[in-house]
Amino acid sequence: PGEVLVRTSAVAINFPDVLLARGEYQV
């Protein structure tokens, strides 16, 4: 409830993706 399912066409890469992989992001 309250969500949308999206069929993904493209994903922009952001620096948080780097930090997520390294375990250094705030989340």
mmCIF file of all heavy atoms, coordinates in Angstrom:
data_MODEL
# 
_entry.id   MODEL 
# 
loop_
_atom_site.group_PDB 
_atom_site.id 
_atom_site.type_symbol 
_atom_site.label_atom_id 
_atom_site.label_alt_id 
_atom_site.label_comp_id 
_atom_site.label_asym_id 
_atom_site.label_entity_id 
_atom_site.label_seq_id 
_atom_site.pdbx_PDB_ins_code 
_atom_site.Cartn_x 
_atom_site.Cartn_y 
_atom_site.Cartn_z 
_atom_site.occupancy 
_atom_site.B_iso_or_equiv 
_atom_site.pdbx_formal_charge 
_atom_site.auth_seq_id 
_atom_site.auth_comp_id 
_atom_site.auth_asym_id 
_atom_site.auth_atom_id 
_atom_site.pdbx_PDB_model_num 
ATOM 1   N N   . PRO A 1 1  ? 0.833  -1.213 0.000   1.00 0.00 ? 1  PRO A N   1 
ATOM 2   C CA  . PRO A 1 1  ? 0.000  0.000  0.000   1.00 0.00 ? 1  PRO A CA  1 
ATOM 3   C C   . PRO A 1 1  ? 0.862  1.256  0.000   1.00 0.00 ? 1  PRO A C   1 
ATOM 4   O O   . PRO A 1 1  ? 1.850  1.357  0.752   1.00 0.00 ? 1  PRO A O   1 
ATOM 5   C CB  . PRO A 1 1  ? -0.803 -0.129 1.299   1.00 0.00 ? 1  PRO A CB  1 
ATOM 6   C CG  . PRO A 1 1  ? -0.907 -1.610 1.520   1.00 0.00 ? 1  PRO A CG  1 
ATOM 7   C CD  . PRO A 1 1  ? 0.405  -2.169 1.049   1.00 0.00 ? 1  PRO A CD  1 
ATOM 8   N N   . GLY A 1 2  ? 0.505  2.178  -0.886  1.00 0.00 ? 2  GLY A N   1 
ATOM 9   C CA  . GLY A 1 2  ? 1.270  3.424  -0.970  1.00 0.00 ? 2  GLY A CA  1 
ATOM 10  C C   . GLY A 1 2  ? 2.518  3.328  -1.827  1.00 0.00 ? 2  GLY A C   1 
ATOM 11  O O   . GLY A 1 2  ? 3.283  4.294  -1.900  1.00 0.00 ? 2  GLY A O   1 
ATOM 12  N N   . GLU A 1 3  ? 2.735  2.196  -2.508  1.00 0.00 ? 3  GLU A N   1 
ATOM 13  C CA  . GLU A 1 3  ? 3.917  2.013  -3.355  1.00 0.00 ? 3  GLU A CA  1 
ATOM 14  C C   . GLU A 1 3  ? 3.521  1.844  -4.820  1.00 0.00 ? 3  GLU A C   1 
ATOM 15  O O   . GLU A 1 3  ? 2.391  1.472  -5.142  1.00 0.00 ? 3  GLU A O   1 
ATOM 16  C CB  . GLU A 1 3  ? 4.729  0.794  -2.918  1.00 0.00 ? 3  GLU A CB  1 
ATOM 17  C CG  . GLU A 1 3  ? 5.456  0.958  -1.604  1.00 0.00 ? 3  GLU A CG  1 
ATOM 18  C CD  . GLU A 1 3  ? 6.348  -0.227 -1.293  1.00 0.00 ? 3  GLU A CD  1 
ATOM 19  O OE1 . GLU A 1 3  ? 6.082  -1.338 -1.832  1.00 0.00 ? 3  GLU A OE1 1 
ATOM 20  O OE2 . GLU A 1 3  ? 7.299  -0.054 -0.516  1.00 0.00 ? 3  GLU A OE2 1 
ATOM 21  N N   . VAL A 1 4  ? 4.509  2.085  -5.675  1.00 0.00 ? 4  VAL A N   1 
ATOM 22  C CA  . VAL A 1 4  ? 4.365  1.911  -7.114  1.00 0.00 ? 4  VAL A CA  1 
ATOM 23  C C   . VAL A 1 4  ? 5.411  0.904  -7.579  1.00 0.00 ? 4  VAL A C   1 
ATOM 24  O O   . VAL A 1 4  ? 6.578  0.998  -7.181  1.00 0.00 ? 4  VAL A O   1 
ATOM 25  C CB  . VAL A 1 4  ? 4.563  3.258  -7.843  1.00 0.00 ? 4  VAL A CB  1 
ATOM 26  C CG1 . VAL A 1 4  ? 4.566  3.068  -9.355  1.00 0.00 ? 4  VAL A CG1 1 
ATOM 27  C CG2 . VAL A 1 4  ? 3.506  4.264  -7.429  1.00 0.00 ? 4  VAL A CG2 1 
ATOM 28  N N   . LEU A 1 5  ? 5.014  -0.063 -8.381  1.00 0.00 ? 5  LEU A N   1 
ATOM 29  C CA  . LEU A 1 5  ? 5.973  -0.968 -8.998  1.00 0.00 ? 5  LEU A CA  1 
ATOM 30  C C   . LEU A 1 5  ? 6.364  -0.395 -10.350 1.00 0.00 ? 5  LEU A C   1 
ATOM 31  O O   . LEU A 1 5  ? 5.499  -0.124 -11.196 1.00 0.00 ? 5  LEU A O   1 
ATOM 32  C CB  . LEU A 1 5  ? 5.364  -2.364 -9.184  1.00 0.00 ? 5  LEU A CB  1 
ATOM 33  C CG  . LEU A 1 5  ? 6.280  -3.387 -9.885  1.00 0.00 ? 5  LEU A CG  1 
ATOM 34  C CD1 . LEU A 1 5  ? 7.486  -3.721 -9.019  1.00 0.00 ? 5  LEU A CD1 1 
ATOM 35  C CD2 . LEU A 1 5  ? 5.502  -4.654 -10.242 1.00 0.00 ? 5  LEU A CD2 1 
ATOM 36  N N   . VAL A 1 6  ? 7.662  -0.207 -10.551 1.00 0.00 ? 6  VAL A N   1 
ATOM 37  C CA  . VAL A 1 6  ? 8.178  0.397  -11.774 1.00 0.00 ? 6  VAL A CA  1 
ATOM 38  C C   . VAL A 1 6  ? 8.997  -0.627 -12.545 1.00 0.00 ? 6  VAL A C   1 
ATOM 39  O O   . VAL A 1 6  ? 9.877  -1.298 -11.970 1.00 0.00 ? 6  VAL A O   1 
ATOM 40  C CB  . VAL A 1 6  ? 9.049  1.633  -11.457 1.00 0.00 ? 6  VAL A CB  1 
ATOM 41  C CG1 . VAL A 1 6  ? 9.617  2.239  -12.747 1.00 0.00 ? 6  VAL A CG1 1 
ATOM 42  C CG2 . VAL A 1 6  ? 8.246  2.673  -10.689 1.00 0.00 ? 6  VAL A CG2 1 
ATOM 43  N N   . ARG A 1 7  ? 8.691  -0.758 -13.829 1.00 0.00 ? 7  ARG A N   1 
ATOM 44  C CA  . ARG A 1 7  ? 9.571  -1.519 -14.729 1.00 0.00 ? 7  ARG A CA  1 
ATOM 45  C C   . ARG A 1 7  ? 10.691 -0.575 -15.128 1.00 0.00 ? 7  ARG A C   1 
ATOM 46  O O   . ARG A 1 7  ? 10.466 0.430  -15.802 1.00 0.00 ? 7  ARG A O   1 
ATOM 47  C CB  . ARG A 1 7  ? 8.821  -2.012 -15.955 1.00 0.00 ? 7  ARG A CB  1 
ATOM 48  C CG  . ARG A 1 7  ? 9.692  -2.815 -16.931 1.00 0.00 ? 7  ARG A CG  1 
ATOM 49  C CD  . ARG A 1 7  ? 8.849  -3.312 -18.106 1.00 0.00 ? 7  ARG A CD  1 
ATOM 50  N NE  . ARG A 1 7  ? 9.641  -4.127 -19.023 1.00 0.00 ? 7  ARG A NE  1 
ATOM 51  C CZ  . ARG A 1 7  ? 10.260 -3.662 -20.102 1.00 0.00 ? 7  ARG A CZ  1 
ATOM 52  N NH1 . ARG A 1 7  ? 10.191 -2.367 -20.399 1.00 0.00 ? 7  ARG A NH1 1 
ATOM 53  N NH2 . ARG A 1 7  ? 10.955 -4.456 -20.875 1.00 0.00 ? 7  ARG A NH2 1 
ATOM 54  N N   . THR A 1 8  ? 11.896 -0.879 -14.695 1.00 0.00 ? 8  THR A N   1 
ATOM 55  C CA  . THR A 1 8  ? 13.009 0.050  -14.806 1.00 0.00 ? 8  THR A CA  1 
ATOM 56  C C   . THR A 1 8  ? 13.538 0.135  -16.235 1.00 0.00 ? 8  THR A C   1 
ATOM 57  O O   . THR A 1 8  ? 13.816 -0.891 -16.860 1.00 0.00 ? 8  THR A O   1 
ATOM 58  C CB  . THR A 1 8  ? 14.158 -0.376 -13.875 1.00 0.00 ? 8  THR A CB  1 
ATOM 59  O OG1 . THR A 1 8  ? 13.631 -0.606 -12.569 1.00 0.00 ? 8  THR A OG1 1 
ATOM 60  C CG2 . THR A 1 8  ? 15.226 0.696  -13.804 1.00 0.00 ? 8  THR A CG2 1 
ATOM 61  N N   . SER A 1 9  ? 13.666 1.359  -16.729 1.00 0.00 ? 9  SER A N   1 
ATOM 62  C CA  . SER A 1 9  ? 14.274 1.586  -18.038 1.00 0.00 ? 9  SER A CA  1 
ATOM 63  C C   . SER A 1 9  ? 15.735 1.997  -17.896 1.00 0.00 ? 9  SER A C   1 
ATOM 64  O O   . SER A 1 9  ? 16.602 1.534  -18.650 1.00 0.00 ? 9  SER A O   1 
ATOM 65  C CB  . SER A 1 9  ? 13.512 2.681  -18.796 1.00 0.00 ? 9  SER A CB  1 
ATOM 66  O OG  . SER A 1 9  ? 12.179 2.317  -19.020 1.00 0.00 ? 9  SER A OG  1 
ATOM 67  N N   . ALA A 1 10 ? 16.037 2.886  -16.949 1.00 0.00 ? 10 ALA A N   1 
ATOM 68  C CA  . ALA A 1 10 ? 17.395 3.390  -16.778 1.00 0.00 ? 10 ALA A CA  1 
ATOM 69  C C   . ALA A 1 10 ? 17.615 3.772  -15.325 1.00 0.00 ? 10 ALA A C   1 
ATOM 70  O O   . ALA A 1 10 ? 16.690 4.211  -14.634 1.00 0.00 ? 10 ALA A O   1 
ATOM 71  C CB  . ALA A 1 10 ? 17.633 4.602  -17.678 1.00 0.00 ? 10 ALA A CB  1 
ATOM 72  N N   . VAL A 1 11 ? 18.852 3.598  -14.869 1.00 0.00 ? 11 VAL A N   1 
ATOM 73  C CA  . VAL A 1 11 ? 19.249 3.964  -13.512 1.00 0.00 ? 11 VAL A CA  1 
ATOM 74  C C   . VAL A 1 11 ? 20.470 4.875  -13.605 1.00 0.00 ? 11 VAL A C   1 
ATOM 75  O O   . VAL A 1 11 ? 21.473 4.507  -14.225 1.00 0.00 ? 11 VAL A O   1 
ATOM 76  C CB  . VAL A 1 11 ? 19.598 2.718  -12.667 1.00 0.00 ? 11 VAL A CB  1 
ATOM 77  C CG1 . VAL A 1 11 ? 20.165 3.125  -11.309 1.00 0.00 ? 11 VAL A CG1 1 
ATOM 78  C CG2 . VAL A 1 11 ? 18.368 1.835  -12.476 1.00 0.00 ? 11 VAL A CG2 1 
ATOM 79  N N   . ALA A 1 12 ? 20.367 6.063  -13.031 1.00 0.00 ? 12 ALA A N   1 
ATOM 80  C CA  . ALA A 1 12 ? 21.519 6.960  -12.966 1.00 0.00 ? 12 ALA A CA  1 
ATOM 81  C C   . ALA A 1 12 ? 22.369 6.594  -11.757 1.00 0.00 ? 12 ALA A C   1 
ATOM 82  O O   . ALA A 1 12 ? 21.842 6.370  -10.664 1.00 0.00 ? 12 ALA A O   1 
ATOM 83  C CB  . ALA A 1 12 ? 21.050 8.411  -12.868 1.00 0.00 ? 12 ALA A CB  1 
ATOM 84  N N   . ILE A 1 13 ? 23.680 6.539  -11.969 1.00 0.00 ? 13 ILE A N   1 
ATOM 85  C CA  . ILE A 1 13 ? 24.587 6.172  -10.887 1.00 0.00 ? 13 ILE A CA  1 
ATOM 86  C C   . ILE A 1 13 ? 24.959 7.430  -10.093 1.00 0.00 ? 13 ILE A C   1 
ATOM 87  O O   . ILE A 1 13 ? 25.268 8.473  -10.666 1.00 0.00 ? 13 ILE A O   1 
ATOM 88  C CB  . ILE A 1 13 ? 25.853 5.500  -11.446 1.00 0.00 ? 13 ILE A CB  1 
ATOM 89  C CG1 . ILE A 1 13 ? 25.459 4.257  -12.266 1.00 0.00 ? 13 ILE A CG1 1 
ATOM 90  C CG2 . ILE A 1 13 ? 26.805 5.109  -10.321 1.00 0.00 ? 13 ILE A CG2 1 
ATOM 91  C CD1 . ILE A 1 13 ? 24.667 3.226  -11.499 1.00 0.00 ? 13 ILE A CD1 1 
ATOM 92  N N   . ASN A 1 14 ? 24.895 7.320  -8.779  1.00 0.00 ? 14 ASN A N   1 
ATOM 93  C CA  . ASN A 1 14 ? 25.219 8.422  -7.875  1.00 0.00 ? 14 ASN A CA  1 
ATOM 94  C C   . ASN A 1 14 ? 26.316 7.993  -6.911  1.00 0.00 ? 14 ASN A C   1 
ATOM 95  O O   . ASN A 1 14 ? 26.510 6.798  -6.655  1.00 0.00 ? 14 ASN A O   1 
ATOM 96  C CB  . ASN A 1 14 ? 23.984 8.831  -7.075  1.00 0.00 ? 14 ASN A CB  1 
ATOM 97  C CG  . ASN A 1 14 ? 22.933 9.500  -7.932  1.00 0.00 ? 14 ASN A CG  1 
ATOM 98  O OD1 . ASN A 1 14 ? 22.931 10.710 -8.082  1.00 0.00 ? 14 ASN A OD1 1 
ATOM 99  N ND2 . ASN A 1 14 ? 22.016 8.716  -8.505  1.00 0.00 ? 14 ASN A ND2 1 
ATOM 100 N N   . PHE A 1 15 ? 27.024 8.984  -6.339  1.00 0.00 ? 15 PHE A N   1 
ATOM 101 C CA  . PHE A 1 15 ? 28.109 8.635  -5.416  1.00 0.00 ? 15 PHE A CA  1 
ATOM 102 C C   . PHE A 1 15 ? 27.626 7.824  -4.217  1.00 0.00 ? 15 PHE A C   1 
ATOM 103 O O   . PHE A 1 15 ? 28.376 6.974  -3.714  1.00 0.00 ? 15 PHE A O   1 
ATOM 104 C CB  . PHE A 1 15 ? 28.855 9.891  -4.956  1.00 0.00 ? 15 PHE A CB  1 
ATOM 105 C CG  . PHE A 1 15 ? 30.227 9.588  -4.416  1.00 0.00 ? 15 PHE A CG  1 
ATOM 106 C CD1 . PHE A 1 15 ? 31.248 9.175  -5.258  1.00 0.00 ? 15 PHE A CD1 1 
ATOM 107 C CD2 . PHE A 1 15 ? 30.491 9.679  -3.062  1.00 0.00 ? 15 PHE A CD2 1 
ATOM 108 C CE1 . PHE A 1 15 ? 32.505 8.867  -4.762  1.00 0.00 ? 15 PHE A CE1 1 
ATOM 109 C CE2 . PHE A 1 15 ? 31.748 9.386  -2.557  1.00 0.00 ? 15 PHE A CE2 1 
ATOM 110 C CZ  . PHE A 1 15 ? 32.757 8.974  -3.406  1.00 0.00 ? 15 PHE A CZ  1 
ATOM 111 N N   . PRO A 1 16 ? 26.406 8.028  -3.723  1.00 0.00 ? 16 PRO A N   1 
ATOM 112 C CA  . PRO A 1 16 ? 25.933 7.128  -2.659  1.00 0.00 ? 16 PRO A CA  1 
ATOM 113 C C   . PRO A 1 16 ? 25.969 5.652  -3.034  1.00 0.00 ? 16 PRO A C   1 
ATOM 114 O O   . PRO A 1 16 ? 26.093 4.798  -2.146  1.00 0.00 ? 16 PRO A O   1 
ATOM 115 C CB  . PRO A 1 16 ? 24.499 7.619  -2.418  1.00 0.00 ? 16 PRO A CB  1 
ATOM 116 C CG  . PRO A 1 16 ? 24.562 9.070  -2.702  1.00 0.00 ? 16 PRO A CG  1 
ATOM 117 C CD  . PRO A 1 16 ? 25.493 9.177  -3.891  1.00 0.00 ? 16 PRO A CD  1 
ATOM 118 N N   . ASP A 1 17 ? 25.879 5.318  -4.333  1.00 0.00 ? 17 ASP A N   1 
ATOM 119 C CA  . ASP A 1 17 ? 26.005 3.919  -4.728  1.00 0.00 ? 17 ASP A CA  1 
ATOM 120 C C   . ASP A 1 17 ? 27.394 3.378  -4.414  1.00 0.00 ? 17 ASP A C   1 
ATOM 121 O O   . ASP A 1 17 ? 27.556 2.220  -4.014  1.00 0.00 ? 17 ASP A O   1 
ATOM 122 C CB  . ASP A 1 17 ? 25.703 3.757  -6.218  1.00 0.00 ? 17 ASP A CB  1 
ATOM 123 C CG  . ASP A 1 17 ? 24.261 4.059  -6.550  1.00 0.00 ? 17 ASP A CG  1 
ATOM 124 O OD1 . ASP A 1 17 ? 23.376 3.594  -5.824  1.00 0.00 ? 17 ASP A OD1 1 
ATOM 125 O OD2 . ASP A 1 17 ? 24.019 4.780  -7.540  1.00 0.00 ? 17 ASP A OD2 1 
ATOM 126 N N   . VAL A 1 18 ? 28.402 4.224  -4.593  1.00 0.00 ? 18 VAL A N   1 
ATOM 127 C CA  . VAL A 1 18 ? 29.773 3.853  -4.228  1.00 0.00 ? 18 VAL A CA  1 
ATOM 128 C C   . VAL A 1 18 ? 29.862 3.628  -2.727  1.00 0.00 ? 18 VAL A C   1 
ATOM 129 O O   . VAL A 1 18 ? 30.414 2.625  -2.245  1.00 0.00 ? 18 VAL A O   1 
ATOM 130 C CB  . VAL A 1 18 ? 30.768 4.942  -4.676  1.00 0.00 ? 18 VAL A CB  1 
ATOM 131 C CG1 . VAL A 1 18 ? 32.184 4.586  -4.230  1.00 0.00 ? 18 VAL A CG1 1 
ATOM 132 C CG2 . VAL A 1 18 ? 30.706 5.156  -6.178  1.00 0.00 ? 18 VAL A CG2 1 
ATOM 133 N N   . LEU A 1 19 ? 29.304 4.577  -1.965  1.00 0.00 ? 19 LEU A N   1 
ATOM 134 C CA  . LEU A 1 19 ? 29.376 4.487  -0.504  1.00 0.00 ? 19 LEU A CA  1 
ATOM 135 C C   . LEU A 1 19 ? 28.564 3.312  0.022   1.00 0.00 ? 19 LEU A C   1 
ATOM 136 O O   . LEU A 1 19 ? 28.961 2.662  1.002   1.00 0.00 ? 19 LEU A O   1 
ATOM 137 C CB  . LEU A 1 19 ? 28.878 5.798  0.111   1.00 0.00 ? 19 LEU A CB  1 
ATOM 138 C CG  . LEU A 1 19 ? 29.675 7.052  -0.258  1.00 0.00 ? 19 LEU A CG  1 
ATOM 139 C CD1 . LEU A 1 19 ? 29.065 8.285  0.390   1.00 0.00 ? 19 LEU A CD1 1 
ATOM 140 C CD2 . LEU A 1 19 ? 31.141 6.907  0.151   1.00 0.00 ? 19 LEU A CD2 1 
ATOM 141 N N   . LEU A 1 20 ? 27.435 3.005  -0.606  1.00 0.00 ? 20 LEU A N   1 
ATOM 142 C CA  . LEU A 1 20 ? 26.652 1.835  -0.201  1.00 0.00 ? 20 LEU A CA  1 
ATOM 143 C C   . LEU A 1 20 ? 27.461 0.555  -0.368  1.00 0.00 ? 20 LEU A C   1 
ATOM 144 O O   . LEU A 1 20 ? 27.462 -0.318 0.509   1.00 0.00 ? 20 LEU A O   1 
ATOM 145 C CB  . LEU A 1 20 ? 25.369 1.755  -1.028  1.00 0.00 ? 20 LEU A CB  1 
ATOM 146 C CG  . LEU A 1 20 ? 24.226 2.680  -0.613  1.00 0.00 ? 20 LEU A CG  1 
ATOM 147 C CD1 . LEU A 1 20 ? 23.194 2.780  -1.729  1.00 0.00 ? 20 LEU A CD1 1 
ATOM 148 C CD2 . LEU A 1 20 ? 23.572 2.186  0.669   1.00 0.00 ? 20 LEU A CD2 1 
ATOM 149 N N   . ALA A 1 21 ? 28.172 0.445  -1.494  1.00 0.00 ? 21 ALA A N   1 
ATOM 150 C CA  . ALA A 1 21 ? 28.996 -0.746 -1.721  1.00 0.00 ? 21 ALA A CA  1 
ATOM 151 C C   . ALA A 1 21 ? 30.108 -0.858 -0.684  1.00 0.00 ? 21 ALA A C   1 
ATOM 152 O O   . ALA A 1 21 ? 30.440 -1.953 -0.227  1.00 0.00 ? 21 ALA A O   1 
ATOM 153 C CB  . ALA A 1 21 ? 29.586 -0.713 -3.128  1.00 0.00 ? 21 ALA A CB  1 
ATOM 154 N N   . ARG A 1 22 ? 30.659 0.273  -0.299  1.00 0.00 ? 22 ARG A N   1 
ATOM 155 C CA  . ARG A 1 22 ? 31.757 0.285  0.670   1.00 0.00 ? 22 ARG A CA  1 
ATOM 156 C C   . ARG A 1 22 ? 31.289 0.193  2.123   1.00 0.00 ? 22 ARG A C   1 
ATOM 157 O O   . ARG A 1 22 ? 32.106 0.090  3.033   1.00 0.00 ? 22 ARG A O   1 
ATOM 158 C CB  . ARG A 1 22 ? 32.587 1.553  0.496   1.00 0.00 ? 22 ARG A CB  1 
ATOM 159 C CG  . ARG A 1 22 ? 33.349 1.629  -0.819  1.00 0.00 ? 22 ARG A CG  1 
ATOM 160 C CD  . ARG A 1 22 ? 33.994 2.988  -0.990  1.00 0.00 ? 22 ARG A CD  1 
ATOM 161 N NE  . ARG A 1 22 ? 34.835 3.051  -2.199  1.00 0.00 ? 22 ARG A NE  1 
ATOM 162 C CZ  . ARG A 1 22 ? 35.354 4.180  -2.681  1.00 0.00 ? 22 ARG A CZ  1 
ATOM 163 N NH1 . ARG A 1 22 ? 35.119 5.332  -2.064  1.00 0.00 ? 22 ARG A NH1 1 
ATOM 164 N NH2 . ARG A 1 22 ? 36.105 4.146  -3.773  1.00 0.00 ? 22 ARG A NH2 1 
ATOM 165 N N   . GLY A 1 23 ? 29.995 0.278  2.345   1.00 0.00 ? 23 GLY A N   1 
ATOM 166 C CA  . GLY A 1 23 ? 29.480 0.289  3.711   1.00 0.00 ? 23 GLY A CA  1 
ATOM 167 C C   . GLY A 1 23 ? 29.734 1.594  4.427   1.00 0.00 ? 23 GLY A C   1 
ATOM 168 O O   . GLY A 1 23 ? 29.787 1.638  5.654   1.00 0.00 ? 23 GLY A O   1 
ATOM 169 N N   . GLU A 1 24 ? 29.832 2.703  3.655   1.00 0.00 ? 24 GLU A N   1 
ATOM 170 C CA  . GLU A 1 24 ? 30.178 3.994  4.237   1.00 0.00 ? 24 GLU A CA  1 
ATOM 171 C C   . GLU A 1 24 ? 29.049 5.007  4.140   1.00 0.00 ? 24 GLU A C   1 
ATOM 172 O O   . GLU A 1 24 ? 29.208 6.157  4.538   1.00 0.00 ? 24 GLU A O   1 
ATOM 173 C CB  . GLU A 1 24 ? 31.425 4.559  3.538   1.00 0.00 ? 24 GLU A CB  1 
ATOM 174 C CG  . GLU A 1 24 ? 32.663 3.706  3.725   1.00 0.00 ? 24 GLU A CG  1 
ATOM 175 C CD  . GLU A 1 24 ? 33.857 4.197  2.916   1.00 0.00 ? 24 GLU A CD  1 
ATOM 176 O OE1 . GLU A 1 24 ? 33.679 5.131  2.097   1.00 0.00 ? 24 GLU A OE1 1 
ATOM 177 O OE2 . GLU A 1 24 ? 34.953 3.646  3.093   1.00 0.00 ? 24 GLU A OE2 1 
ATOM 178 N N   . TYR A 1 25 ? 27.903 4.602  3.609   1.00 0.00 ? 25 TYR A N   1 
ATOM 179 C CA  . TYR A 1 25 ? 26.784 5.531  3.484   1.00 0.00 ? 25 TYR A CA  1 
ATOM 180 C C   . TYR A 1 25 ? 26.075 5.637  4.830   1.00 0.00 ? 25 TYR A C   1 
ATOM 181 O O   . TYR A 1 25 ? 26.197 4.754  5.688   1.00 0.00 ? 25 TYR A O   1 
ATOM 182 C CB  . TYR A 1 25 ? 25.821 5.037  2.408   1.00 0.00 ? 25 TYR A CB  1 
ATOM 183 C CG  . TYR A 1 25 ? 24.826 6.064  1.941   1.00 0.00 ? 25 TYR A CG  1 
ATOM 184 C CD1 . TYR A 1 25 ? 25.233 7.332  1.544   1.00 0.00 ? 25 TYR A CD1 1 
ATOM 185 C CD2 . TYR A 1 25 ? 23.465 5.772  1.895   1.00 0.00 ? 25 TYR A CD2 1 
ATOM 186 C CE1 . TYR A 1 25 ? 24.319 8.274  1.090   1.00 0.00 ? 25 TYR A CE1 1 
ATOM 187 C CE2 . TYR A 1 25 ? 22.545 6.701  1.437   1.00 0.00 ? 25 TYR A CE2 1 
ATOM 188 C CZ  . TYR A 1 25 ? 22.978 7.955  1.056   1.00 0.00 ? 25 TYR A CZ  1 
ATOM 189 O OH  . TYR A 1 25 ? 22.072 8.883  0.624   1.00 0.00 ? 25 TYR A OH  1 
ATOM 190 N N   . GLN A 1 26 ? 25.310 6.748  5.031   1.00 0.00 ? 26 GLN A N   1 
ATOM 191 C CA  . GLN A 1 26 ? 24.626 6.924  6.312   1.00 0.00 ? 26 GLN A CA  1 
ATOM 192 C C   . GLN A 1 26 ? 23.552 5.876  6.546   1.00 0.00 ? 26 GLN A C   1 
ATOM 193 O O   . GLN A 1 26 ? 23.210 5.576  7.686   1.00 0.00 ? 26 GLN A O   1 
ATOM 194 C CB  . GLN A 1 26 ? 24.019 8.328  6.418   1.00 0.00 ? 26 GLN A CB  1 
ATOM 195 C CG  . GLN A 1 26 ? 23.076 8.729  5.309   1.00 0.00 ? 26 GLN A CG  1 
ATOM 196 C CD  . GLN A 1 26 ? 23.764 9.631  4.309   1.00 0.00 ? 26 GLN A CD  1 
ATOM 197 O OE1 . GLN A 1 26 ? 24.904 9.378  3.916   1.00 0.00 ? 26 GLN A OE1 1 
ATOM 198 N NE2 . GLN A 1 26 ? 23.083 10.690 3.883   1.00 0.00 ? 26 GLN A NE2 1 
ATOM 199 N N   . VAL A 1 27 ? 23.013 5.322  5.446   1.00 0.00 ? 27 VAL A N   1 
ATOM 200 C CA  . VAL A 1 27 ? 22.102 4.184  5.541   1.00 0.00 ? 27 VAL A CA  1 
ATOM 201 C C   . VAL A 1 27 ? 22.897 2.947  5.151   1.00 0.00 ? 27 VAL A C   1 
ATOM 202 O O   . VAL A 1 27 ? 23.524 2.913  4.093   1.00 0.00 ? 27 VAL A O   1 
ATOM 203 C CB  . VAL A 1 27 ? 20.895 4.360  4.598   1.00 0.00 ? 27 VAL A CB  1 
ATOM 204 C CG1 . VAL A 1 27 ? 19.977 3.156  4.675   1.00 0.00 ? 27 VAL A CG1 1 
ATOM 205 C CG2 . VAL A 1 27 ? 20.135 5.640  4.951   1.00 0.00 ? 27 VAL A CG2 1 
# 
